[in-house]
Amino acid sequence: MDMLKGDQIAAAHLADWRKLAQGLHARYVIPDFGTGVRFVAAVGSAGDTLGHHPRVAIGKGYVDLELVTEDAVYRDDDGTELIVEWVTQQDVDLARRITELAADHKLTADPASVSEIELGLDTAHSATIAPVWAALLTGSAEAQGRGTPSDEIRDATVRVPNLWFGDAGSPDSPRFHLEVYVAPEVAAQRIAAALAAGGTIVDDSNAPAQTVIADQDGNRGVVCFDASAAKQD
């Protein structure tokens, strides 16, 4: 199934959901654990009908859901097809059904609270070092390149954050950094909070979608959101 572009996701008007990194994310507020379990059971039944299921986490007061297709089709400029993890129409269809189920269970969505963390490592030798990180993070060589045409490390069971490789910076710059994906409506607040706590902006050339912030020791994090998939007013 073809991956959807950002404008196609935005056009779906999924009010409860936000596109973070590769997938669609939603959080629903629950009054108690039992309510959450019953809601997830209903989501599971809907997924059985559609032949697709979300990733689920339940905690005190919330149910978190992520929708992503593990074998989405991406076509590059010359028409070559690549298999990637990304949002497809089946994710949009199930997101709409889950929104209906949440209303049936009288649950409120809290889309501004969703977030996703990924790891970034700047290097000129990703093909060489990726097997080491695949072994360290997941214990499986199959994690290298899974769901991506690059050397990125992705754990099939989502036990650890994805690790992707960027271009090497200067020898004195930090090699590791965190990618913090948030809902578009809270990105500015997240940046302001980091600055108020003593952080500094070191690169806003790709703002507002990406803003690089350093702490007092020079460690870096990037506040990210998918501007292309954000709802356009």
C-alpha atoms as a PDB file:
ATOM      1  CA  MET A   1       0.000   0.000   0.000  1.00  0.00           C
ATOM      2  CA  ASP A   2       1.352   3.411  -0.983  1.00  0.00           C
ATOM      3  CA  MET A   3       2.613   5.742   1.739  1.00  0.00           C
ATOM      4  CA  LEU A   4       0.669   8.977   2.144  1.00  0.00           C
ATOM      5  CA  LYS A   5       2.277  12.370   1.745  1.00  0.00           C
ATOM      6  CA  GLY A   6       1.950  15.043   4.388  1.00  0.00           C
ATOM      7  CA  ASP A   7      -0.740  16.995   2.571  1.00  0.00           C
ATOM      8  CA  GLN A   8      -2.819  13.844   2.163  1.00  0.00           C
ATOM      9  CA  ILE A   9      -2.625  13.183   5.907  1.00  0.00           C
ATOM     10  CA  ALA A  10      -3.545  16.795   6.656  1.00  0.00           C
ATOM     11  CA  ALA A  11      -6.513  16.565   4.280  1.00  0.00           C
ATOM     12  CA  ALA A  12      -7.885  13.611   6.273  1.00  0.00           C
ATOM     13  CA  HIS A  13      -8.685  16.016   9.167  1.00  0.00           C
ATOM     14  CA  LEU A  14      -7.931  13.500  11.925  1.00  0.00           C
ATOM     15  CA  ALA A  15      -8.672  15.752  14.886  1.00  0.00           C
ATOM     16  CA  ASP A  16      -7.619  13.222  17.546  1.00  0.00           C
ATOM     17  CA  TRP A  17      -4.342  12.297  15.851  1.00  0.00           C
ATOM     18  CA  ARG A  18      -0.964  13.853  15.171  1.00  0.00           C
ATOM     19  CA  LYS A  19       1.699  12.704  12.704  1.00  0.00           C
ATOM     20  CA  LEU A  20       4.959  12.198  14.643  1.00  0.00           C
ATOM     21  CA  ALA A  21       8.006  10.723  12.938  1.00  0.00           C
ATOM     22  CA  GLN A  22       6.719   7.781  10.869  1.00  0.00           C
ATOM     23  CA  GLY A  23       3.268   7.220  12.397  1.00  0.00           C
ATOM     24  CA  LEU A  24      -0.030   8.658  13.572  1.00  0.00           C
ATOM     25  CA  HIS A  25      -0.298   9.084  17.356  1.00  0.00           C
ATOM     26  CA  ALA A  26      -3.252   9.609  19.665  1.00  0.00           C
ATOM     27  CA  ARG A  27      -3.759   9.771  23.422  1.00  0.00           C
ATOM     28  CA  TYR A  28      -7.127   9.204  25.077  1.00  0.00           C
ATOM     29  CA  VAL A  29      -7.812  10.141  28.677  1.00  0.00           C
ATOM     30  CA  ILE A  30      -9.353   7.301  30.701  1.00  0.00           C
ATOM     31  CA  PRO A  31     -10.955   7.452  34.167  1.00  0.00           C
ATOM     32  CA  ASP A  32      -9.647   4.038  35.202  1.00  0.00           C
ATOM     33  CA  PHE A  33      -7.694   1.048  33.923  1.00  0.00           C
ATOM     34  CA  GLY A  34     -10.768  -1.079  33.259  1.00  0.00           C
ATOM     35  CA  THR A  35     -12.210   1.551  30.943  1.00  0.00           C
ATOM     36  CA  GLY A  36      -8.933   1.611  29.058  1.00  0.00           C
ATOM     37  CA  VAL A  37      -8.909  -2.162  28.674  1.00  0.00           C
ATOM     38  CA  ARG A  38     -12.479  -2.192  27.341  1.00  0.00           C
ATOM     39  CA  PHE A  39     -11.628   0.574  24.881  1.00  0.00           C
ATOM     40  CA  VAL A  40      -8.527  -1.270  23.678  1.00  0.00           C
ATOM     41  CA  ALA A  41     -10.582  -4.443  23.256  1.00  0.00           C
ATOM     42  CA  ALA A  42     -12.986  -2.524  21.027  1.00  0.00           C
ATOM     43  CA  VAL A  43     -10.044  -1.105  19.079  1.00  0.00           C
ATOM     44  CA  GLY A  44      -8.697  -4.619  18.658  1.00  0.00           C
ATOM     45  CA  SER A  45     -12.011  -5.829  17.271  1.00  0.00           C
ATOM     46  CA  ALA A  46     -12.094  -2.939  14.811  1.00  0.00           C
ATOM     47  CA  GLY A  47      -8.545  -3.764  13.801  1.00  0.00           C
ATOM     48  CA  ASP A  48      -9.532  -7.380  13.194  1.00  0.00           C
ATOM     49  CA  THR A  49     -12.234  -6.173  10.821  1.00  0.00           C
ATOM     50  CA  LEU A  50      -9.845  -3.950   8.889  1.00  0.00           C
ATOM     51  CA  GLY A  51      -6.899  -6.351   9.065  1.00  0.00           C
ATOM     52  CA  HIS A  52      -4.660  -3.779  10.729  1.00  0.00           C
ATOM     53  CA  HIS A  53      -3.869  -2.902  14.356  1.00  0.00           C
ATOM     54  CA  PRO A  54      -2.258  -0.057  16.305  1.00  0.00           C
ATOM     55  CA  ARG A  55       0.595  -0.175  18.766  1.00  0.00           C
ATOM     56  CA  VAL A  56      -0.903   0.316  22.223  1.00  0.00           C
ATOM     57  CA  ALA A  57       0.294   1.472  25.636  1.00  0.00           C
ATOM     58  CA  ILE A  58      -1.924   1.860  28.714  1.00  0.00           C
ATOM     59  CA  GLY A  59      -0.912   3.843  31.762  1.00  0.00           C
ATOM     60  CA  LYS A  60      -2.537   5.631  34.653  1.00  0.00           C
ATOM     61  CA  GLY A  61      -5.130   7.897  33.094  1.00  0.00           C
ATOM     62  CA  TYR A  62      -4.321   7.308  29.430  1.00  0.00           C
ATOM     63  CA  VAL A  63      -4.295   5.005  26.426  1.00  0.00           C
ATOM     64  CA  ASP A  64      -1.648   5.789  23.801  1.00  0.00           C
ATOM     65  CA  LEU A  65      -2.050   4.522  20.242  1.00  0.00           C
ATOM     66  CA  GLU A  66       0.241   4.590  17.232  1.00  0.00           C
ATOM     67  CA  LEU A  67      -0.777   3.686  13.700  1.00  0.00           C
ATOM     68  CA  VAL A  68       1.884   2.891  11.117  1.00  0.00           C
ATOM     69  CA  THR A  69       2.155   0.508   8.173  1.00  0.00           C
ATOM     70  CA  GLU A  70       5.293  -1.621   8.267  1.00  0.00           C
ATOM     71  CA  ASP A  71       5.350  -2.306   4.521  1.00  0.00           C
ATOM     72  CA  ALA A  72       4.319   1.016   3.006  1.00  0.00           C
ATOM     73  CA  VAL A  73       5.525   1.594  -0.554  1.00  0.00           C
ATOM     74  CA  TYR A  74       7.724   4.609  -1.306  1.00  0.00           C
ATOM     75  CA  ARG A  75       8.677   5.483  -4.879  1.00  0.00           C
ATOM     76  CA  ASP A  76      11.771   7.566  -5.518  1.00  0.00           C
ATOM     77  CA  ASP A  77      12.218   9.982  -8.409  1.00  0.00           C
ATOM     78  CA  ASP A  78      13.180   7.265 -10.905  1.00  0.00           C
ATOM     79  CA  GLY A  79      10.219   5.079  -9.958  1.00  0.00           C
ATOM     80  CA  THR A  80      12.117   2.590  -7.821  1.00  0.00           C
ATOM     81  CA  GLU A  81       9.874   1.127  -5.125  1.00  0.00           C
ATOM     82  CA  LEU A  82      11.147   0.891  -1.549  1.00  0.00           C
ATOM     83  CA  ILE A  83       9.418  -0.648   1.470  1.00  0.00           C
ATOM     84  CA  VAL A  84       9.289   1.685   4.478  1.00  0.00           C
ATOM     85  CA  GLU A  85       7.410   2.188   7.728  1.00  0.00           C
ATOM     86  CA  TRP A  86       4.975   5.034   7.147  1.00  0.00           C
ATOM     87  CA  VAL A  87       1.348   6.129   7.206  1.00  0.00           C
ATOM     88  CA  THR A  88      -0.950   4.629   4.556  1.00  0.00           C
ATOM     89  CA  GLN A  89      -4.679   4.790   3.869  1.00  0.00           C
ATOM     90  CA  GLN A  90      -5.339   1.830   6.166  1.00  0.00           C
ATOM     91  CA  ASP A  91      -3.908   3.853   9.062  1.00  0.00           C
ATOM     92  CA  VAL A  92      -6.187   6.775   8.238  1.00  0.00           C
ATOM     93  CA  ASP A  93      -9.217   4.481   7.980  1.00  0.00           C
ATOM     94  CA  LEU A  94      -8.492   2.832  11.337  1.00  0.00           C
ATOM     95  CA  ALA A  95      -7.764   6.209  12.968  1.00  0.00           C
ATOM     96  CA  ARG A  96     -11.227   7.398  11.964  1.00  0.00           C
ATOM     97  CA  ARG A  97     -12.810   4.226  13.348  1.00  0.00           C
ATOM     98  CA  ILE A  98     -10.899   4.543  16.632  1.00  0.00           C
ATOM     99  CA  THR A  99     -12.091   8.143  16.983  1.00  0.00           C
ATOM    100  CA  GLU A 100     -15.660   6.868  16.657  1.00  0.00           C
ATOM    101  CA  LEU A 101     -15.019   4.174  19.272  1.00  0.00           C
ATOM    102  CA  ALA A 102     -13.541   6.729  21.671  1.00  0.00           C
ATOM    103  CA  ALA A 103     -16.711   8.791  21.362  1.00  0.00           C
ATOM    104  CA  ASP A 104     -18.792   5.665  22.026  1.00  0.00           C
ATOM    105  CA  HIS A 105     -16.759   5.070  25.215  1.00  0.00           C
ATOM    106  CA  LYS A 106     -17.068   8.766  26.158  1.00  0.00           C
ATOM    107  CA  LEU A 107     -13.303   9.253  26.080  1.00  0.00           C
ATOM    108  CA  THR A 108     -11.588  12.571  25.415  1.00  0.00           C
ATOM    109  CA  ALA A 109      -8.579  12.864  23.133  1.00  0.00           C
ATOM    110  CA  ASP A 110      -5.501  14.798  24.286  1.00  0.00           C
ATOM    111  CA  PRO A 111      -3.584  15.228  21.012  1.00  0.00           C
ATOM    112  CA  ALA A 112      -1.317  17.974  22.329  1.00  0.00           C
ATOM    113  CA  SER A 113       0.311  15.546  24.776  1.00  0.00           C
ATOM    114  CA  VAL A 114       1.578  12.977  22.268  1.00  0.00           C
ATOM    115  CA  SER A 115       5.328  12.704  21.717  1.00  0.00           C
ATOM    116  CA  GLU A 116       7.915  10.415  20.163  1.00  0.00           C
ATOM    117  CA  ILE A 117      11.648  10.134  20.848  1.00  0.00           C
ATOM    118  CA  GLU A 118      14.257   9.056  18.311  1.00  0.00           C
ATOM    119  CA  LEU A 119      18.046   8.947  18.568  1.00  0.00           C
ATOM    120  CA  GLY A 120      20.370  10.610  16.083  1.00  0.00           C
ATOM    121  CA  LEU A 121      24.050   9.819  15.525  1.00  0.00           C
ATOM    122  CA  ASP A 122      26.161  11.975  13.227  1.00  0.00           C
ATOM    123  CA  THR A 123      28.686   9.872  11.345  1.00  0.00           C
ATOM    124  CA  ALA A 124      30.337   9.423   7.956  1.00  0.00           C
ATOM    125  CA  HIS A 125      30.444   5.646   8.412  1.00  0.00           C
ATOM    126  CA  SER A 126      26.877   4.525   9.048  1.00  0.00           C
ATOM    127  CA  ALA A 127      27.210   1.298   7.056  1.00  0.00           C
ATOM    128  CA  THR A 128      30.238   0.322   9.129  1.00  0.00           C
ATOM    129  CA  ILE A 129      28.927   1.146  12.590  1.00  0.00           C
ATOM    130  CA  ALA A 130      25.230   0.321  12.119  1.00  0.00           C
ATOM    131  CA  PRO A 131      25.685  -3.424  12.780  1.00  0.00           C
ATOM    132  CA  VAL A 132      27.232  -2.606  16.168  1.00  0.00           C
ATOM    133  CA  TRP A 133      24.257  -0.453  17.144  1.00  0.00           C
ATOM    134  CA  ALA A 134      21.774  -3.004  15.819  1.00  0.00           C
ATOM    135  CA  ALA A 135      23.376  -5.605  18.082  1.00  0.00           C
ATOM    136  CA  LEU A 136      23.564  -3.284  21.105  1.00  0.00           C
ATOM    137  CA  LEU A 137      20.037  -1.913  20.860  1.00  0.00           C
ATOM    138  CA  THR A 138      18.068  -4.930  19.650  1.00  0.00           C
ATOM    139  CA  GLY A 139      20.336  -7.975  19.516  1.00  0.00           C
ATOM    140  CA  SER A 140      19.316  -8.543  15.897  1.00  0.00           C
ATOM    141  CA  ALA A 141      21.119  -7.711  12.658  1.00  0.00           C
ATOM    142  CA  GLU A 142      17.700  -7.509  10.970  1.00  0.00           C
ATOM    143  CA  ALA A 143      17.051  -4.236  12.794  1.00  0.00           C
ATOM    144  CA  GLN A 144      19.486  -2.461  10.476  1.00  0.00           C
ATOM    145  CA  GLY A 145      17.574  -0.888   7.607  1.00  0.00           C
ATOM    146  CA  ARG A 146      14.248  -2.269   8.772  1.00  0.00           C
ATOM    147  CA  GLY A 147      11.446  -0.084   7.444  1.00  0.00           C
ATOM    148  CA  THR A 148      13.829   2.388   5.835  1.00  0.00           C
ATOM    149  CA  PRO A 149      16.137   2.501   2.788  1.00  0.00           C
ATOM    150  CA  SER A 150      18.994   3.760   4.980  1.00  0.00           C
ATOM    151  CA  ASP A 151      21.070   2.112   7.714  1.00  0.00           C
ATOM    152  CA  GLU A 152      18.656   3.295  10.395  1.00  0.00           C
ATOM    153  CA  ILE A 153      18.113   0.940  13.350  1.00  0.00           C
ATOM    154  CA  ARG A 154      14.492   0.002  14.087  1.00  0.00           C
ATOM    155  CA  ASP A 155      13.399  -2.587  16.618  1.00  0.00           C
ATOM    156  CA  ALA A 156      10.428  -4.611  15.357  1.00  0.00           C
ATOM    157  CA  THR A 157       9.004  -4.829  18.883  1.00  0.00           C
ATOM    158  CA  VAL A 158       9.520  -1.084  19.551  1.00  0.00           C
ATOM    159  CA  ARG A 159      11.445  -1.760  22.784  1.00  0.00           C
ATOM    160  CA  VAL A 160      13.929   1.018  22.069  1.00  0.00           C
ATOM    161  CA  PRO A 161      13.790   4.310  20.144  1.00  0.00           C
ATOM    162  CA  ASN A 162      14.760   4.319  16.487  1.00  0.00           C
ATOM    163  CA  LEU A 163      18.381   5.272  15.815  1.00  0.00           C
ATOM    164  CA  TRP A 164      19.099   7.137  12.613  1.00  0.00           C
ATOM    165  CA  PHE A 165      22.371   8.383  11.154  1.00  0.00           C
ATOM    166  CA  GLY A 166      23.023  11.941  10.017  1.00  0.00           C
ATOM    167  CA  ASP A 167      25.928  13.686   8.359  1.00  0.00           C
ATOM    168  CA  ALA A 168      29.031  13.969  10.507  1.00  0.00           C
ATOM    169  CA  GLY A 169      29.550  17.365  12.128  1.00  0.00           C
ATOM    170  CA  SER A 170      32.794  18.872  13.262  1.00  0.00           C
ATOM    171  CA  PRO A 171      35.008  16.704  15.497  1.00  0.00           C
ATOM    172  CA  ASP A 172      34.180  18.894  18.485  1.00  0.00           C
ATOM    173  CA  SER A 173      30.395  18.740  18.117  1.00  0.00           C
ATOM    174  CA  PRO A 174      28.255  16.193  19.996  1.00  0.00           C
ATOM    175  CA  ARG A 175      27.760  13.039  17.948  1.00  0.00           C
ATOM    176  CA  PHE A 176      24.575  11.854  19.654  1.00  0.00           C
ATOM    177  CA  HIS A 177      21.415  13.907  19.958  1.00  0.00           C
ATOM    178  CA  LEU A 178      17.729  13.343  20.692  1.00  0.00           C
ATOM    179  CA  GLU A 179      14.885  13.970  18.280  1.00  0.00           C
ATOM    180  CA  VAL A 180      11.781  15.009  20.242  1.00  0.00           C
ATOM    181  CA  TYR A 181       8.656  14.836  18.077  1.00  0.00           C
ATOM    182  CA  VAL A 182       5.683  16.776  19.434  1.00  0.00           C
ATOM    183  CA  ALA A 183       2.303  17.999  18.248  1.00  0.00           C
ATOM    184  CA  PRO A 184       2.626  21.181  16.160  1.00  0.00           C
ATOM    185  CA  GLU A 185       0.562  23.240  18.589  1.00  0.00           C
ATOM    186  CA  VAL A 186       2.977  22.674  21.481  1.00  0.00           C
ATOM    187  CA  ALA A 187       6.325  22.982  19.673  1.00  0.00           C
ATOM    188  CA  ALA A 188       6.785  26.672  20.469  1.00  0.00           C
ATOM    189  CA  GLN A 189       5.908  26.097  24.123  1.00  0.00           C
ATOM    190  CA  ARG A 190       8.355  23.185  24.361  1.00  0.00           C
ATOM    191  CA  ILE A 191      11.145  25.320  22.913  1.00  0.00           C
ATOM    192  CA  ALA A 192      10.316  28.218  25.241  1.00  0.00           C
ATOM    193  CA  ALA A 193      10.379  25.906  28.259  1.00  0.00           C
ATOM    194  CA  ALA A 194      13.795  24.563  27.275  1.00  0.00           C
ATOM    195  CA  LEU A 195      15.146  28.090  26.834  1.00  0.00           C
ATOM    196  CA  ALA A 196      13.706  29.183  30.182  1.00  0.00           C
ATOM    197  CA  ALA A 197      15.501  26.242  31.800  1.00  0.00           C
ATOM    198  CA  GLY A 198      18.850  27.450  30.459  1.00  0.00           C
ATOM    199  CA  GLY A 199      18.999  25.927  26.983  1.00  0.00           C
ATOM    200  CA  THR A 200      20.049  27.820  23.876  1.00  0.00           C
ATOM    201  CA  ILE A 201      19.022  27.580  20.236  1.00  0.00           C
ATOM    202  CA  VAL A 202      22.018  26.525  18.135  1.00  0.00           C
ATOM    203  CA  ASP A 203      20.268  25.956  14.800  1.00  0.00           C
ATOM    204  CA  ASP A 204      16.847  27.138  13.661  1.00  0.00           C
ATOM    205  CA  SER A 205      17.533  27.055   9.922  1.00  0.00           C
ATOM    206  CA  ASN A 206      14.770  24.454   9.495  1.00  0.00           C
ATOM    207  CA  ALA A 207      12.352  26.087  11.939  1.00  0.00           C
ATOM    208  CA  PRO A 208       9.566  25.768  12.774  1.00  0.00           C
ATOM    209  CA  ALA A 209       9.639  22.069  11.855  1.00  0.00           C
ATOM    210  CA  GLN A 210      13.064  21.510  13.461  1.00  0.00           C
ATOM    211  CA  THR A 211      14.801  23.563  16.141  1.00  0.00           C
ATOM    212  CA  VAL A 212      18.111  22.407  17.619  1.00  0.00           C
ATOM    213  CA  ILE A 213      18.605  23.238  21.303  1.00  0.00           C
ATOM    214  CA  ALA A 214      21.721  22.728  23.407  1.00  0.00           C
ATOM    215  CA  ASP A 215      21.944  22.434  27.168  1.00  0.00           C
ATOM    216  CA  GLN A 216      24.633  24.148  29.240  1.00  0.00           C
ATOM    217  CA  ASP A 217      27.076  21.298  28.529  1.00  0.00           C
ATOM    218  CA  GLY A 218      26.511  21.405  24.790  1.00  0.00           C
ATOM    219  CA  ASN A 219      24.337  18.285  24.555  1.00  0.00           C
ATOM    220  CA  ARG A 220      21.753  18.670  21.838  1.00  0.00           C
ATOM    221  CA  GLY A 221      18.092  17.893  21.301  1.00  0.00           C
ATOM    222  CA  VAL A 222      15.884  18.705  18.334  1.00  0.00           C
ATOM    223  CA  VAL A 223      12.240  19.718  18.738  1.00  0.00           C
ATOM    224  CA  CYS A 224      10.455  18.382  15.649  1.00  0.00           C
ATOM    225  CA  PHE A 225       7.012  18.278  14.124  1.00  0.00           C
ATOM    226  CA  ASP A 226       5.748  17.274  10.702  1.00  0.00           C
ATOM    227  CA  ALA A 227       4.664  20.597   9.248  1.00  0.00           C
ATOM    228  CA  SER A 228       3.476  19.005   6.008  1.00  0.00           C
ATOM    229  CA  ALA A 229       0.965  16.790   7.819  1.00  0.00           C
ATOM    230  CA  ALA A 230      -0.282  19.484  10.187  1.00  0.00           C
ATOM    231  CA  LYS A 231      -3.814  20.759   9.767  1.00  0.00           C
ATOM    232  CA  GLN A 232      -3.901  23.918   7.676  1.00  0.00           C
ATOM    233  CA  ASP A 233      -6.394  26.559   8.825  1.00  0.00           C
END
